[in-house]
Amino acid sequence: MISPSGARLAVVPGLLCAALLAGCSISGGVTSGGSALEGVTVKLEGPAQRTDTTGSDGAYSFTSLLAMGTYTVTPSKPGHEMTPASQQVLINDYFERARGINFTARKLDPVVAPVLRSATVTDLQNDGTFDDINFASPVEVHALMTSYLNRPSTKRAIFEFDLSGVSRTVPVRSAVLQFTVLALGGAPGGIQLAFWGYRGDGTLNLADAVAGDALVGTVPIASSGTTYQIDLTPFVQQLMSAGAVVAGLNVRIHNEATVTVGQLCSIVGVPAATTTYPSPRLTIAY
């Protein structure tokens, strides 16, 4: 390379490439309801990995990109759904500036997943085979209850919830089930309920009595007429990731296999038994 004075200059190839590429950049903004959205985390992936956060003007920028190629820009903010979810940007020229890579955010309110159906399933002979289903509310969870024929029986409650109204593009931040216990008995100091989760199909039948791919949580029950909660976030997130639209729950006495005396728990089902005690609510937040 010759300087304006005519002197020959030594050029370091790596420094020249860096200088040529120093002008490459990707920038844009995020809006919600027509206004700039602050606090959005924007990730850049590809030949370079970067992270930026939008300010009060909703803008983000990635500058001094020293490698050409295809980049992916992905914004995220808890409680918001982004459109589009991500964008790809091709940088294939020196000093290229990709502007206007914009996104629109929609704030997501918590969703209550409706209860499709609930039922009580009963093993009349306590022999491991469930042979009766009853859709009346409340539903019942019993272990070793004796009937008028002096035969022990086991009962489980089953519920299925509609997930079709839950966003598929935003991770579930929390999924909490609220349910009301109407009656309790058979164990001084209370009992413990076990919730087994499964992928539902929108209908309830005897096979659901033994459904349950995993134990998703337990709740100690100490009194009747009380509303309890259980965190189902990992279970619901797993179902959503698998594309499921119905969440199923099989509720049992936790120590069902080792119960030596009758234990029972009556839970409000669908439709709700009274206006005082509402149906179970599965509330999902983002």
Protein backbone atom coordinates (compact mmCIF):
# COMPACT_ATOMS: atom_id res chain seq x y z
CA MET A 1 0.00 0.00 0.00
CA ILE A 2 1.35 3.47 -0.96
CA SER A 3 0.77 6.46 1.34
CA PRO A 4 -0.20 9.89 -0.05
CA SER A 5 3.46 10.90 0.35
CA GLY A 6 4.55 8.03 -1.81
CA ALA A 7 6.00 5.93 1.01
CA ARG A 8 5.24 2.21 1.02
CA LEU A 9 3.31 1.09 4.14
CA ALA A 10 3.26 -2.38 5.66
CA VAL A 11 -0.26 -3.75 6.12
CA VAL A 12 -1.18 -6.42 8.64
CA PRO A 13 -3.93 -8.56 6.98
CA GLY A 14 -5.81 -9.25 10.24
CA LEU A 15 -5.98 -5.56 11.11
CA LEU A 16 -7.21 -4.72 7.63
CA CYS A 17 -10.04 -7.30 7.88
CA ALA A 18 -11.04 -5.98 11.27
CA ALA A 19 -11.12 -2.43 9.98
CA LEU A 20 -13.21 -3.42 6.98
CA LEU A 21 -15.73 -5.31 9.08
CA ALA A 22 -15.92 -2.82 11.94
CA GLY A 23 -18.88 -1.08 10.32
CA CYS A 24 -21.14 -4.18 10.21
CA SER A 25 -24.13 -3.80 12.55
CA ILE A 26 -27.68 -4.98 13.23
CA SER A 27 -30.21 -2.75 14.92
CA GLY A 28 -33.92 -2.31 15.44
CA GLY A 29 -36.58 -1.79 18.07
CA VAL A 30 -39.40 -3.38 20.03
CA THR A 31 -42.82 -1.79 20.48
CA SER A 32 -45.97 -2.78 22.33
CA GLY A 33 -49.31 -1.15 21.60
CA GLY A 34 -47.55 1.39 19.40
CA SER A 35 -45.13 2.49 22.13
CA ALA A 36 -41.48 1.65 22.73
CA LEU A 37 -40.97 -1.27 25.09
CA GLU A 38 -38.18 -1.05 27.62
CA GLY A 39 -36.41 -3.99 29.28
CA VAL A 40 -36.54 -6.45 26.38
CA THR A 41 -33.60 -8.84 26.25
CA VAL A 42 -32.43 -9.23 22.66
CA LYS A 43 -30.09 -12.10 21.81
CA LEU A 44 -27.89 -12.27 18.74
CA GLU A 45 -26.75 -15.72 17.62
CA GLY A 46 -24.67 -16.81 14.66
CA PRO A 47 -21.08 -15.95 13.77
CA ALA A 48 -21.09 -13.77 16.89
CA GLN A 49 -22.99 -14.12 20.17
CA ARG A 50 -24.25 -10.93 21.80
CA THR A 51 -26.98 -9.72 24.17
CA ASP A 52 -28.51 -6.27 24.44
CA THR A 53 -31.41 -4.79 26.42
CA THR A 54 -33.80 -2.17 25.08
CA GLY A 55 -33.92 1.19 26.83
CA SER A 56 -36.75 3.67 27.14
CA ASP A 57 -36.68 4.16 23.36
CA GLY A 58 -37.22 0.42 22.79
CA ALA A 59 -34.07 0.25 20.64
CA TYR A 60 -31.30 -2.33 20.52
CA SER A 61 -28.08 -2.44 18.54
CA PHE A 62 -25.23 -4.83 17.80
CA THR A 63 -22.21 -3.07 16.33
CA SER A 64 -18.64 -3.98 15.31
CA LEU A 65 -19.60 -7.40 14.01
CA LEU A 66 -16.33 -8.87 12.77
CA ALA A 67 -17.70 -11.85 10.89
CA MET A 68 -20.12 -12.07 8.00
CA GLY A 69 -22.85 -14.70 7.75
CA THR A 70 -26.40 -15.34 8.92
CA TYR A 71 -27.41 -14.01 12.32
CA THR A 72 -30.55 -14.75 14.33
CA VAL A 73 -32.09 -11.99 16.45
CA THR A 74 -34.46 -13.10 19.24
CA PRO A 75 -36.20 -10.74 21.71
CA SER A 76 -37.81 -11.83 24.98
CA LYS A 77 -39.45 -10.31 28.02
CA PRO A 78 -41.39 -12.15 30.73
CA GLY A 79 -45.12 -11.92 30.19
CA HIS A 80 -44.83 -10.87 26.54
CA GLU A 81 -45.28 -12.64 23.22
CA MET A 82 -43.06 -11.42 20.37
CA THR A 83 -44.02 -11.14 16.70
CA PRO A 84 -42.10 -12.45 14.92
CA ALA A 85 -40.52 -14.72 17.51
CA SER A 86 -37.12 -14.20 15.84
CA GLN A 87 -35.61 -12.90 12.61
CA GLN A 88 -32.64 -13.96 10.52
CA VAL A 89 -30.30 -11.34 9.09
CA LEU A 90 -27.68 -12.01 6.41
CA ILE A 91 -24.53 -9.90 6.62
CA ASN A 92 -22.56 -10.43 3.42
CA ASP A 93 -20.81 -7.15 2.69
CA TYR A 94 -18.23 -4.91 4.34
CA PHE A 95 -19.65 -2.02 6.37
CA GLU A 96 -23.19 -3.41 5.98
CA ARG A 97 -25.70 -1.99 8.41
CA ALA A 98 -28.92 -3.97 8.81
CA ARG A 99 -31.43 -1.53 10.25
CA GLY A 100 -35.11 -1.81 11.04
CA ILE A 101 -35.05 -5.37 12.40
CA ASN A 102 -38.14 -4.63 14.46
CA PHE A 103 -40.48 -6.63 16.66
CA THR A 104 -43.92 -6.16 18.15
CA ALA A 105 -44.70 -7.37 21.68
CA ARG A 106 -48.07 -8.36 23.13
CA LYS A 107 -48.50 -8.44 26.89
CA LEU A 108 -49.98 -11.75 27.99
CA ASP A 109 -52.38 -11.85 30.91
CA PRO A 110 -52.62 -14.98 33.08
CA VAL A 111 -54.89 -17.65 31.60
CA VAL A 112 -57.24 -19.87 33.55
CA ALA A 113 -57.27 -23.24 31.80
CA PRO A 114 -60.91 -24.45 31.97
CA VAL A 115 -61.73 -27.78 33.60
CA LEU A 116 -63.15 -30.00 30.87
CA ARG A 117 -64.44 -32.76 33.10
CA SER A 118 -63.89 -34.40 36.47
CA ALA A 119 -64.89 -37.80 37.81
CA THR A 120 -64.45 -40.36 40.57
CA VAL A 121 -63.11 -43.76 39.53
CA THR A 122 -63.56 -46.69 41.89
CA ASP A 123 -61.89 -50.06 42.37
CA LEU A 124 -64.92 -51.78 43.91
CA GLN A 125 -63.07 -54.94 44.92
CA ASN A 126 -59.78 -53.25 45.82
CA ASP A 127 -58.05 -55.71 43.51
CA GLY A 128 -56.23 -53.22 41.29
CA THR A 129 -58.97 -53.05 38.65
CA PHE A 130 -61.04 -49.86 38.49
CA ASP A 131 -64.53 -50.77 37.37
CA ASP A 132 -66.78 -47.76 38.06
CA ILE A 133 -66.76 -44.09 37.01
CA ASN A 134 -68.99 -41.34 38.40
CA PHE A 135 -69.09 -37.78 37.02
CA ALA A 136 -70.97 -36.24 39.95
CA SER A 137 -69.42 -33.41 41.94
CA PRO A 138 -67.75 -33.44 44.39
CA VAL A 139 -65.20 -36.06 43.37
CA GLU A 140 -63.76 -38.42 45.94
CA VAL A 141 -60.37 -39.81 46.89
CA HIS A 142 -60.66 -42.81 49.20
CA ALA A 143 -58.35 -45.58 50.31
CA LEU A 144 -59.65 -48.81 51.86
CA MET A 145 -63.17 -47.61 52.44
CA THR A 146 -65.64 -50.32 53.46
CA SER A 147 -68.99 -50.50 51.66
CA TYR A 148 -72.28 -51.78 53.06
CA LEU A 149 -71.26 -55.20 51.71
CA ASN A 150 -68.16 -55.00 53.89
CA ARG A 151 -65.91 -54.88 50.83
CA PRO A 152 -62.93 -52.51 50.86
CA SER A 153 -62.71 -50.16 47.88
CA THR A 154 -60.32 -47.56 46.50
CA LYS A 155 -61.32 -44.31 44.81
CA ARG A 156 -59.33 -41.79 42.81
CA ALA A 157 -60.30 -38.41 41.36
CA ILE A 158 -59.45 -37.48 37.78
CA PHE A 159 -59.47 -34.06 36.11
CA GLU A 160 -58.67 -32.81 32.62
CA PHE A 161 -57.89 -29.16 31.79
CA ASP A 162 -58.05 -27.39 28.43
CA LEU A 163 -54.68 -25.89 27.44
CA SER A 164 -55.73 -24.70 23.98
CA GLY A 165 -55.90 -21.06 25.09
CA VAL A 166 -52.32 -21.02 26.40
CA SER A 167 -49.63 -19.33 24.29
CA ARG A 168 -47.24 -21.73 22.55
CA THR A 169 -44.50 -19.18 21.91
CA VAL A 170 -43.79 -18.02 25.46
CA PRO A 171 -42.46 -20.27 28.24
CA VAL A 172 -44.84 -20.92 31.12
CA ARG A 173 -43.56 -19.00 34.16
CA SER A 174 -46.04 -20.52 36.61
CA ALA A 175 -48.95 -22.95 36.56
CA VAL A 176 -50.82 -23.19 39.85
CA LEU A 177 -53.82 -25.39 40.57
CA GLN A 178 -56.33 -24.27 43.21
CA PHE A 179 -58.86 -26.75 44.52
CA THR A 180 -61.25 -26.92 47.47
CA VAL A 181 -61.57 -29.79 49.92
CA LEU A 182 -65.15 -30.29 51.15
CA ALA A 183 -64.65 -33.25 53.46
CA LEU A 184 -61.78 -35.04 55.13
CA GLY A 185 -61.60 -38.08 57.35
CA GLY A 186 -59.98 -41.30 58.44
CA ALA A 187 -56.62 -39.95 59.54
CA PRO A 188 -56.02 -37.77 62.62
CA GLY A 189 -54.00 -34.76 61.63
CA GLY A 190 -54.95 -34.96 57.96
CA ILE A 191 -53.80 -36.84 54.88
CA GLN A 192 -51.55 -36.24 51.90
CA LEU A 193 -52.81 -36.16 48.32
CA ALA A 194 -50.63 -37.23 45.42
CA PHE A 195 -51.12 -35.69 41.98
CA TRP A 196 -50.06 -37.76 38.98
CA GLY A 197 -49.91 -35.97 35.64
CA TYR A 198 -50.67 -37.34 32.21
CA ARG A 199 -51.40 -36.13 28.69
CA GLY A 200 -55.17 -35.97 28.46
CA ASP A 201 -57.44 -36.46 25.45
CA GLY A 202 -60.49 -34.44 26.47
CA THR A 203 -62.49 -37.41 27.72
CA LEU A 204 -62.51 -39.32 31.00
CA ASN A 205 -62.75 -43.09 31.27
CA LEU A 206 -61.74 -45.98 33.50
CA ALA A 207 -58.26 -46.12 31.97
CA ASP A 208 -57.55 -42.68 33.42
CA ALA A 209 -57.76 -44.23 36.88
CA VAL A 210 -54.25 -45.59 36.40
CA ALA A 211 -52.96 -42.81 34.13
CA GLY A 212 -50.02 -40.84 35.38
CA ASP A 213 -46.64 -40.63 33.72
CA ALA A 214 -45.07 -38.95 36.72
CA LEU A 215 -45.80 -37.81 40.24
CA VAL A 216 -46.03 -34.04 39.78
CA GLY A 217 -46.56 -33.09 43.42
CA THR A 218 -48.10 -33.82 46.80
CA VAL A 219 -50.18 -31.62 49.09
CA PRO A 220 -50.84 -32.15 52.82
CA ILE A 221 -54.56 -31.73 53.56
CA ALA A 222 -55.35 -30.66 57.12
CA SER A 223 -58.91 -29.36 57.09
CA SER A 224 -62.17 -29.38 55.14
CA GLY A 225 -63.78 -26.30 53.60
CA THR A 226 -60.32 -25.04 52.65
CA THR A 227 -58.76 -24.09 49.33
CA TYR A 228 -55.32 -25.54 48.62
CA GLN A 229 -52.71 -24.92 45.94
CA ILE A 230 -50.18 -27.03 44.11
CA ASP A 231 -47.46 -25.84 41.73
CA LEU A 232 -47.69 -27.70 38.41
CA THR A 233 -45.30 -25.49 36.42
CA PRO A 234 -42.77 -28.14 35.26
CA PHE A 235 -45.58 -30.55 34.34
CA VAL A 236 -47.56 -27.99 32.31
CA GLN A 237 -44.42 -26.68 30.59
CA GLN A 238 -43.50 -30.24 29.59
CA LEU A 239 -46.97 -30.82 28.14
CA MET A 240 -46.86 -27.53 26.24
CA SER A 241 -43.43 -28.34 24.80
CA ALA A 242 -44.79 -31.68 23.60
CA GLY A 243 -47.72 -29.97 21.87
CA ALA A 244 -50.40 -31.28 24.23
CA VAL A 245 -53.70 -29.38 24.45
CA VAL A 246 -55.15 -31.22 27.47
CA ALA A 247 -53.57 -31.71 30.90
CA GLY A 248 -54.74 -34.69 32.93
CA LEU A 249 -54.45 -35.19 36.69
CA ASN A 250 -54.98 -38.41 38.60
CA VAL A 251 -55.38 -37.69 42.34
CA ARG A 252 -54.78 -40.39 44.95
CA ILE A 253 -54.09 -40.83 48.64
CA HIS A 254 -50.30 -40.53 48.73
CA ASN A 255 -49.69 -43.73 50.70
CA GLU A 256 -52.60 -45.56 49.06
CA ALA A 257 -50.78 -48.92 48.82
CA THR A 258 -49.97 -49.01 52.54
CA VAL A 259 -53.14 -47.56 54.06
CA THR A 260 -54.47 -49.84 56.80
CA VAL A 261 -57.49 -47.74 57.79
CA GLY A 262 -60.01 -45.87 55.70
CA GLN A 263 -58.89 -42.42 54.54
CA LEU A 264 -61.05 -40.07 52.49
CA CYS A 265 -60.98 -36.66 50.84
CA SER A 266 -63.82 -35.01 48.94
CA ILE A 267 -62.87 -32.34 46.35
CA VAL A 268 -65.05 -29.88 44.45
CA GLY A 269 -65.28 -30.98 40.84
CA VAL A 270 -67.15 -29.82 37.72
CA PRO A 271 -69.71 -28.44 37.87
CA ALA A 272 -69.01 -26.83 41.22
CA ALA A 273 -71.07 -28.28 44.03
CA THR A 274 -71.97 -24.82 45.37
CA THR A 275 -71.30 -21.20 44.51
CA THR A 276 -69.38 -20.93 47.78
CA TYR A 277 -66.78 -23.38 46.59
CA PRO A 278 -65.69 -22.79 42.97
CA SER A 279 -64.46 -25.43 40.55
CA PRO A 280 -60.71 -26.11 40.43
CA ARG A 281 -58.68 -23.39 38.69
CA LEU A 282 -55.45 -23.99 36.80
CA THR A 283 -53.96 -20.49 36.40
CA ILE A 284 -51.07 -20.12 33.96
CA ALA A 285 -48.84 -17.05 33.89
CA TYR A 286 -46.01 -16.13 31.53
